[in-house]
Structures are given as structure tokens and as C-alpha cells.
Amino acid sequence: MEETNRTDKDILVKGVKTMALSAALMFLGPTLLYIALSNKEKPLYIPILIVALIACGSAIYFGFKGLKTIMDSMFKKRQ
């Protein structure tokens, strides 16, 4: 009996939520980076810069993770 490949809706929703988190971080990270680099003389320069770099790295990570989850929901064979 041949099994058809169908999109797993639960996994797809999880992937879309991960991509939404990535999109939010894609805006937050560069915005914080701009704020930090334009105020080098302020006392919160280093903490804001660290948070901005973490947000930028997290955006990339969650972007790849979300794409992999979406692809798995569409093309992965289930037992």
C-alpha cells in the first residue's frame, strides 16, 4: 500500500510560528544595533550592543530552524 505525502498541519503551524519569531528578531536586532552604535558615549552602550548581536544571531538561527520545520512538514515521510 502506497502512502501519500501530505502536509502535516501541526508541524507546519509550528514552523510558521518559528518564522514569525525570526521576522520579529530581524527587525529588533538591527534596530537595537543602530541605537547602540549611534550612542557610543551612553552608559548602556555595551549591554544594548550585546543584546542586539544576540538578537541578530537568533534571527538567523530561528530562520533556518523555521524553514527546516516547514520543509519537514511537507516532505518528510511518516511511518
PDB file of N, CA and C in Angstrom:
ATOM      1  N   MET A   1       0.836  -1.163   0.000  1.00  0.00           N
ATOM      2  CA  MET A   1       0.000   0.000   0.000  1.00  0.00           C
ATOM      3  C   MET A   1       0.896   1.248   0.000  1.00  0.00           C
ATOM      4  N   GLU A   2       0.647   2.133  -0.919  1.00  0.00           N
ATOM      5  CA  GLU A   2       1.476   3.325  -1.059  1.00  0.00           C
ATOM      6  C   GLU A   2       0.925   4.458  -0.200  1.00  0.00           C
ATOM      7  N   GLU A   3       1.832   5.082   0.548  1.00  0.00           N
ATOM      8  CA  GLU A   3       1.424   6.199   1.405  1.00  0.00           C
ATOM      9  C   GLU A   3       1.669   7.512   0.667  1.00  0.00           C
ATOM     10  N   THR A   4       0.687   8.379   0.683  1.00  0.00           N
ATOM     11  CA  THR A   4       0.848   9.659   0.007  1.00  0.00           C
ATOM     12  C   THR A   4       1.483  10.669   0.951  1.00  0.00           C
ATOM     13  N   ASN A   5       2.276  11.572   0.391  1.00  0.00           N
ATOM     14  CA  ASN A   5       2.877  12.633   1.186  1.00  0.00           C
ATOM     15  C   ASN A   5       1.879  13.769   1.315  1.00  0.00           C
ATOM     16  N   ARG A   6       1.464  14.021   2.538  1.00  0.00           N
ATOM     17  CA  ARG A   6       0.546  15.119   2.808  1.00  0.00           C
ATOM     18  C   ARG A   6       1.202  16.026   3.834  1.00  0.00           C
ATOM     19  N   THR A   7       0.872  17.287   3.776  1.00  0.00           N
ATOM     20  CA  THR A   7       1.445  18.247   4.712  1.00  0.00           C
ATOM     21  C   THR A   7       0.880  18.024   6.102  1.00  0.00           C
ATOM     22  N   ASP A   8       1.774  17.901   7.077  1.00  0.00           N
ATOM     23  CA  ASP A   8       1.369  17.764   8.475  1.00  0.00           C
ATOM     24  C   ASP A   8       1.076  19.164   9.014  1.00  0.00           C
ATOM     25  N   LYS A   9      -0.183  19.456   9.249  1.00  0.00           N
ATOM     26  CA  LYS A   9      -0.611  20.814   9.609  1.00  0.00           C
ATOM     27  C   LYS A   9      -0.022  21.278  10.937  1.00  0.00           C
ATOM     28  N   ASP A  10       0.080  20.379  11.925  1.00  0.00           N
ATOM     29  CA  ASP A  10       0.603  20.779  13.228  1.00  0.00           C
ATOM     30  C   ASP A  10       2.060  21.213  13.130  1.00  0.00           C
ATOM     31  N   ILE A  11       2.853  20.453  12.395  1.00  0.00           N
ATOM     32  CA  ILE A  11       4.263  20.804  12.227  1.00  0.00           C
ATOM     33  C   ILE A  11       4.398  22.072  11.391  1.00  0.00           C
ATOM     34  N   LEU A  12       3.537  22.241  10.400  1.00  0.00           N
ATOM     35  CA  LEU A  12       3.565  23.444   9.573  1.00  0.00           C
ATOM     36  C   LEU A  12       3.274  24.692  10.409  1.00  0.00           C
ATOM     37  N   VAL A  13       2.293  24.630  11.295  1.00  0.00           N
ATOM     38  CA  VAL A  13       1.965  25.770  12.160  1.00  0.00           C
ATOM     39  C   VAL A  13       3.141  26.092  13.073  1.00  0.00           C
ATOM     40  N   LYS A  14       3.790  25.058  13.599  1.00  0.00           N
ATOM     41  CA  LYS A  14       4.963  25.258  14.445  1.00  0.00           C
ATOM     42  C   LYS A  14       6.073  25.963  13.660  1.00  0.00           C
ATOM     43  N   GLY A  15       6.276  25.574  12.417  1.00  0.00           N
ATOM     44  CA  GLY A  15       7.287  26.211  11.578  1.00  0.00           C
ATOM     45  C   GLY A  15       6.959  27.654  11.259  1.00  0.00           C
ATOM     46  N   VAL A  16       5.686  27.946  11.013  1.00  0.00           N
ATOM     47  CA  VAL A  16       5.274  29.320  10.720  1.00  0.00           C
ATOM     48  C   VAL A  16       5.445  30.203  11.959  1.00  0.00           C
ATOM     49  N   LYS A  17       5.166  29.667  13.138  1.00  0.00           N
ATOM     50  CA  LYS A  17       5.379  30.430  14.373  1.00  0.00           C
ATOM     51  C   LYS A  17       6.861  30.725  14.575  1.00  0.00           C
ATOM     52  N   THR A  18       7.713  29.760  14.266  1.00  0.00           N
ATOM     53  CA  THR A  18       9.149  29.972  14.373  1.00  0.00           C
ATOM     54  C   THR A  18       9.612  31.039  13.386  1.00  0.00           C
ATOM     55  N   MET A  19       9.050  31.034  12.182  1.00  0.00           N
ATOM     56  CA  MET A  19       9.400  32.053  11.195  1.00  0.00           C
ATOM     57  C   MET A  19       8.901  33.434  11.628  1.00  0.00           C
ATOM     58  N   ALA A  20       7.769  33.499  12.309  1.00  0.00           N
ATOM     59  CA  ALA A  20       7.264  34.778  12.808  1.00  0.00           C
ATOM     60  C   ALA A  20       8.201  35.335  13.883  1.00  0.00           C
ATOM     61  N   LEU A  21       8.704  34.468  14.748  1.00  0.00           N
ATOM     62  CA  LEU A  21       9.678  34.885  15.750  1.00  0.00           C
ATOM     63  C   LEU A  21      10.946  35.395  15.068  1.00  0.00           C
ATOM     64  N   SER A  22      11.375  34.699  14.033  1.00  0.00           N
ATOM     65  CA  SER A  22      12.555  35.118  13.288  1.00  0.00           C
ATOM     66  C   SER A  22      12.335  36.486  12.638  1.00  0.00           C
ATOM     67  N   ALA A  23      11.167  36.717  12.084  1.00  0.00           N
ATOM     68  CA  ALA A  23      10.869  38.010  11.451  1.00  0.00           C
ATOM     69  C   ALA A  23      10.891  39.138  12.485  1.00  0.00           C
ATOM     70  N   ALA A  24      10.350  38.881  13.662  1.00  0.00           N
ATOM     71  CA  ALA A  24      10.374  39.899  14.715  1.00  0.00           C
ATOM     72  C   ALA A  24      11.815  40.220  15.118  1.00  0.00           C
ATOM     73  N   LEU A  25      12.639  39.190  15.249  1.00  0.00           N
ATOM     74  CA  LEU A  25      14.036  39.409  15.614  1.00  0.00           C
ATOM     75  C   LEU A  25      14.822  40.072  14.493  1.00  0.00           C
ATOM     76  N   MET A  26      14.396  39.865  13.237  1.00  0.00           N
ATOM     77  CA  MET A  26      15.067  40.523  12.105  1.00  0.00           C
ATOM     78  C   MET A  26      14.885  42.031  12.148  1.00  0.00           C
ATOM     79  N   PHE A  27      13.795  42.503  12.727  1.00  0.00           N
ATOM     80  CA  PHE A  27      13.597  43.938  12.879  1.00  0.00           C
ATOM     81  C   PHE A  27      14.212  44.456  14.181  1.00  0.00           C
ATOM     82  N   LEU A  28      14.080  43.679  15.249  1.00  0.00           N
ATOM     83  CA  LEU A  28      14.564  44.107  16.556  1.00  0.00           C
ATOM     84  C   LEU A  28      16.088  44.206  16.599  1.00  0.00           C
ATOM     85  N   GLY A  29      16.777  43.210  16.072  1.00  0.00           N
ATOM     86  CA  GLY A  29      18.238  43.173  16.138  1.00  0.00           C
ATOM     87  C   GLY A  29      18.908  44.367  15.475  1.00  0.00           C
ATOM     88  N   PRO A  30      18.656  44.627  14.185  1.00  0.00           N
ATOM     89  CA  PRO A  30      19.287  45.794  13.552  1.00  0.00           C
ATOM     90  C   PRO A  30      18.863  47.131  14.157  1.00  0.00           C
ATOM     91  N   THR A  31      17.622  47.226  14.649  1.00  0.00           N
ATOM     92  CA  THR A  31      17.188  48.464  15.288  1.00  0.00           C
ATOM     93  C   THR A  31      17.994  48.728  16.557  1.00  0.00           C
ATOM     94  N   LEU A  32      18.143  47.698  17.385  1.00  0.00           N
ATOM     95  CA  LEU A  32      18.956  47.849  18.594  1.00  0.00           C
ATOM     96  C   LEU A  32      20.418  48.107  18.254  1.00  0.00           C
ATOM     97  N   LEU A  33      20.910  47.488  17.206  1.00  0.00           N
ATOM     98  CA  LEU A  33      22.291  47.703  16.780  1.00  0.00           C
ATOM     99  C   LEU A  33      22.509  49.154  16.366  1.00  0.00           C
ATOM    100  N   TYR A  34      21.569  49.710  15.627  1.00  0.00           N
ATOM    101  CA  TYR A  34      21.657  51.116  15.222  1.00  0.00           C
ATOM    102  C   TYR A  34      21.627  52.039  16.446  1.00  0.00           C
ATOM    103  N   ILE A  35      20.737  51.732  17.383  1.00  0.00           N
ATOM    104  CA  ILE A  35      20.638  52.550  18.595  1.00  0.00           C
ATOM    105  C   ILE A  35      21.945  52.489  19.381  1.00  0.00           C
ATOM    106  N   ALA A  36      22.501  51.298  19.504  1.00  0.00           N
ATOM    107  CA  ALA A  36      23.740  51.147  20.269  1.00  0.00           C
ATOM    108  C   ALA A  36      24.905  51.865  19.593  1.00  0.00           C
ATOM    109  N   LEU A  37      25.030  51.729  18.287  1.00  0.00           N
ATOM    110  CA  LEU A  37      26.175  52.319  17.601  1.00  0.00           C
ATOM    111  C   LEU A  37      26.046  53.837  17.431  1.00  0.00           C
ATOM    112  N   SER A  38      24.846  54.374  17.536  1.00  0.00           N
ATOM    113  CA  SER A  38      24.699  55.820  17.416  1.00  0.00           C
ATOM    114  C   SER A  38      24.835  56.532  18.765  1.00  0.00           C
ATOM    115  N   ASN A  39      24.917  55.782  19.851  1.00  0.00           N
ATOM    116  CA  ASN A  39      25.062  56.363  21.198  1.00  0.00           C
ATOM    117  C   ASN A  39      26.242  55.743  21.926  1.00  0.00           C
ATOM    118  N   LYS A  40      27.434  55.854  21.357  1.00  0.00           N
ATOM    119  CA  LYS A  40      28.608  55.210  21.960  1.00  0.00           C
ATOM    120  C   LYS A  40      29.006  55.813  23.297  1.00  0.00           C
ATOM    121  N   GLU A  41      28.633  57.048  23.549  1.00  0.00           N
ATOM    122  CA  GLU A  41      29.043  57.688  24.801  1.00  0.00           C
ATOM    123  C   GLU A  41      28.087  57.388  25.959  1.00  0.00           C
ATOM    124  N   LYS A  42      26.962  56.758  25.694  1.00  0.00           N
ATOM    125  CA  LYS A  42      25.983  56.451  26.745  1.00  0.00           C
ATOM    126  C   LYS A  42      26.463  55.276  27.601  1.00  0.00           C
ATOM    127  N   PRO A  43      26.008  55.190  28.860  1.00  0.00           N
ATOM    128  CA  PRO A  43      26.463  54.102  29.736  1.00  0.00           C
ATOM    129  C   PRO A  43      25.909  52.724  29.352  1.00  0.00           C
ATOM    130  N   LEU A  44      24.783  52.671  28.650  1.00  0.00           N
ATOM    131  CA  LEU A  44      24.200  51.381  28.270  1.00  0.00           C
ATOM    132  C   LEU A  44      24.664  50.906  26.892  1.00  0.00           C
ATOM    133  N   TYR A  45      25.741  51.457  26.372  1.00  0.00           N
ATOM    134  CA  TYR A  45      26.229  51.103  25.038  1.00  0.00           C
ATOM    135  C   TYR A  45      26.551  49.611  24.932  1.00  0.00           C
ATOM    136  N   ILE A  46      27.336  49.094  25.847  1.00  0.00           N
ATOM    137  CA  ILE A  46      27.770  47.689  25.781  1.00  0.00           C
ATOM    138  C   ILE A  46      26.601  46.724  25.976  1.00  0.00           C
ATOM    139  N   PRO A  47      25.736  46.884  26.984  1.00  0.00           N
ATOM    140  CA  PRO A  47      24.617  45.940  27.128  1.00  0.00           C
ATOM    141  C   PRO A  47      23.668  45.937  25.928  1.00  0.00           C
ATOM    142  N   ILE A  48      23.372  47.117  25.376  1.00  0.00           N
ATOM    143  CA  ILE A  48      22.475  47.172  24.218  1.00  0.00           C
ATOM    144  C   ILE A  48      23.141  46.524  23.004  1.00  0.00           C
ATOM    145  N   LEU A  49      24.443  46.734  22.859  1.00  0.00           N
ATOM    146  CA  LEU A  49      25.175  46.116  21.757  1.00  0.00           C
ATOM    147  C   LEU A  49      25.161  44.596  21.876  1.00  0.00           C
ATOM    148  N   ILE A  50      25.340  44.081  23.063  1.00  0.00           N
ATOM    149  CA  ILE A  50      25.323  42.624  23.280  1.00  0.00           C
ATOM    150  C   ILE A  50      23.935  42.053  22.971  1.00  0.00           C
ATOM    151  N   VAL A  51      22.882  42.706  23.454  1.00  0.00           N
ATOM    152  CA  VAL A  51      21.513  42.242  23.185  1.00  0.00           C
ATOM    153  C   VAL A  51      21.223  42.294  21.690  1.00  0.00           C
ATOM    154  N   ALA A  52      21.697  43.332  21.016  1.00  0.00           N
ATOM    155  CA  ALA A  52      21.471  43.466  19.572  1.00  0.00           C
ATOM    156  C   ALA A  52      22.154  42.344  18.807  1.00  0.00           C
ATOM    157  N   LEU A  53      23.383  42.033  19.166  1.00  0.00           N
ATOM    158  CA  LEU A  53      24.101  40.959  18.470  1.00  0.00           C
ATOM    159  C   LEU A  53      23.458  39.594  18.735  1.00  0.00           C
ATOM    160  N   ILE A  54      22.982  39.377  19.944  1.00  0.00           N
ATOM    161  CA  ILE A  54      22.276  38.125  20.255  1.00  0.00           C
ATOM    162  C   ILE A  54      20.979  38.036  19.452  1.00  0.00           C
ATOM    163  N   ALA A  55      20.254  39.160  19.332  1.00  0.00           N
ATOM    164  CA  ALA A  55      19.003  39.165  18.567  1.00  0.00           C
ATOM    165  C   ALA A  55      19.271  38.896  17.088  1.00  0.00           C
ATOM    166  N   CYS A  56      20.339  39.472  16.537  1.00  0.00           N
ATOM    167  CA  CYS A  56      20.675  39.225  15.125  1.00  0.00           C
ATOM    168  C   CYS A  56      21.042  37.753  14.896  1.00  0.00           C
ATOM    169  N   GLY A  57      21.845  37.200  15.783  1.00  0.00           N
ATOM    170  CA  GLY A  57      22.208  35.782  15.660  1.00  0.00           C
ATOM    171  C   GLY A  57      21.007  34.867  15.830  1.00  0.00           C
ATOM    172  N   SER A  58      20.138  35.213  16.754  1.00  0.00           N
ATOM    173  CA  SER A  58      18.935  34.408  16.972  1.00  0.00           C
ATOM    174  C   SER A  58      17.991  34.468  15.774  1.00  0.00           C
ATOM    175  N   ALA A  59      17.931  35.606  15.109  1.00  0.00           N
ATOM    176  CA  ALA A  59      17.080  35.725  13.916  1.00  0.00           C
ATOM    177  C   ALA A  59      17.543  34.758  12.834  1.00  0.00           C
ATOM    178  N   ILE A  60      18.849  34.659  12.650  1.00  0.00           N
ATOM    179  CA  ILE A  60      19.388  33.731  11.651  1.00  0.00           C
ATOM    180  C   ILE A  60      19.092  32.290  12.060  1.00  0.00           C
ATOM    181  N   TYR A  61      19.330  31.967  13.329  1.00  0.00           N
ATOM    182  CA  TYR A  61      19.092  30.604  13.816  1.00  0.00           C
ATOM    183  C   TYR A  61      17.627  30.195  13.661  1.00  0.00           C
ATOM    184  N   PHE A  62      16.717  31.049  14.128  1.00  0.00           N
ATOM    185  CA  PHE A  62      15.298  30.710  14.057  1.00  0.00           C
ATOM    186  C   PHE A  62      14.782  30.710  12.619  1.00  0.00           C
ATOM    187  N   GLY A  63      15.401  31.496  11.746  1.00  0.00           N
ATOM    188  CA  GLY A  63      15.031  31.468  10.332  1.00  0.00           C
ATOM    189  C   GLY A  63      15.319  30.110   9.717  1.00  0.00           C
ATOM    190  N   PHE A  64      16.537  29.601   9.935  1.00  0.00           N
ATOM    191  CA  PHE A  64      16.884  28.283   9.403  1.00  0.00           C
ATOM    192  C   PHE A  64      16.062  27.176  10.050  1.00  0.00           C
ATOM    193  N   LYS A  65      15.856  27.286  11.371  1.00  0.00           N
ATOM    194  CA  LYS A  65      15.076  26.264  12.068  1.00  0.00           C
ATOM    195  C   LYS A  65      13.621  26.248  11.571  1.00  0.00           C
ATOM    196  N   GLY A  66      13.033  27.427  11.354  1.00  0.00           N
ATOM    197  CA  GLY A  66      11.666  27.507  10.851  1.00  0.00           C
ATOM    198  C   GLY A  66      11.535  26.944   9.450  1.00  0.00           C
ATOM    199  N   LEU A  67      12.496  27.279   8.571  1.00  0.00           N
ATOM    200  CA  LEU A  67      12.459  26.724   7.211  1.00  0.00           C
ATOM    201  C   LEU A  67      12.583  25.207   7.223  1.00  0.00           C
ATOM    202  N   LYS A  68      13.478  24.680   8.072  1.00  0.00           N
ATOM    203  CA  LYS A  68      13.635  23.221   8.156  1.00  0.00           C
ATOM    204  C   LYS A  68      12.350  22.572   8.664  1.00  0.00           C
ATOM    205  N   THR A  69      11.708  23.177   9.639  1.00  0.00           N
ATOM    206  CA  THR A  69      10.466  22.624  10.173  1.00  0.00           C
ATOM    207  C   THR A  69       9.363  22.632   9.120  1.00  0.00           C
ATOM    208  N   ILE A  70       9.266  23.717   8.354  1.00  0.00           N
ATOM    209  CA  ILE A  70       8.251  23.794   7.300  1.00  0.00           C
ATOM    210  C   ILE A  70       8.527  22.745   6.220  1.00  0.00           C
ATOM    211  N   MET A  71       9.781  22.590   5.829  1.00  0.00           N
ATOM    212  CA  MET A  71      10.127  21.584   4.819  1.00  0.00           C
ATOM    213  C   MET A  71       9.852  20.172   5.332  1.00  0.00           C
ATOM    214  N   ASP A  72      10.143  19.940   6.609  1.00  0.00           N
ATOM    215  CA  ASP A  72       9.853  18.621   7.185  1.00  0.00           C
ATOM    216  C   ASP A  72       8.349  18.337   7.182  1.00  0.00           C
ATOM    217  N   SER A  73       7.539  19.348   7.417  1.00  0.00           N
ATOM    218  CA  SER A  73       6.091  19.119   7.429  1.00  0.00           C
ATOM    219  C   SER A  73       5.570  18.775   6.039  1.00  0.00           C
ATOM    220  N   MET A  74       6.248  19.253   4.998  1.00  0.00           N
ATOM    221  CA  MET A  74       5.764  19.000   3.638  1.00  0.00           C
ATOM    222  C   MET A  74       6.335  17.713   3.034  1.00  0.00           C
ATOM    223  N   PHE A  75       7.608  17.443   3.267  1.00  0.00           N
ATOM    224  CA  PHE A  75       8.272  16.381   2.512  1.00  0.00           C
ATOM    225  C   PHE A  75       8.714  15.174   3.312  1.00  0.00           C
ATOM    226  N   LYS A  76       8.644  15.223   4.634  1.00  0.00           N
ATOM    227  CA  LYS A  76       9.133  14.101   5.428  1.00  0.00           C
ATOM    228  C   LYS A  76       8.127  12.948   5.395  1.00  0.00           C
ATOM    229  N   LYS A  77       8.628  11.752   5.207  1.00  0.00           N
ATOM    230  CA  LYS A  77       7.763  10.560   5.206  1.00  0.00           C
ATOM    231  C   LYS A  77       7.437  10.176   6.640  1.00  0.00           C
ATOM    232  N   ARG A  78       6.202   9.834   6.886  1.00  0.00           N
ATOM    233  CA  ARG A  78       5.769   9.400   8.209  1.00  0.00           C
ATOM    234  C   ARG A  78       5.550   7.891   8.204  1.00  0.00           C
ATOM    235  N   GLN A  79       5.812   7.294   9.373  1.00  0.00           N
ATOM    236  CA  GLN A  79       5.612   5.844   9.473  1.00  0.00           C
ATOM    237  C   GLN A  79       4.187   5.528   9.810  1.00  0.00           C
TER     238      GLN A  79
END
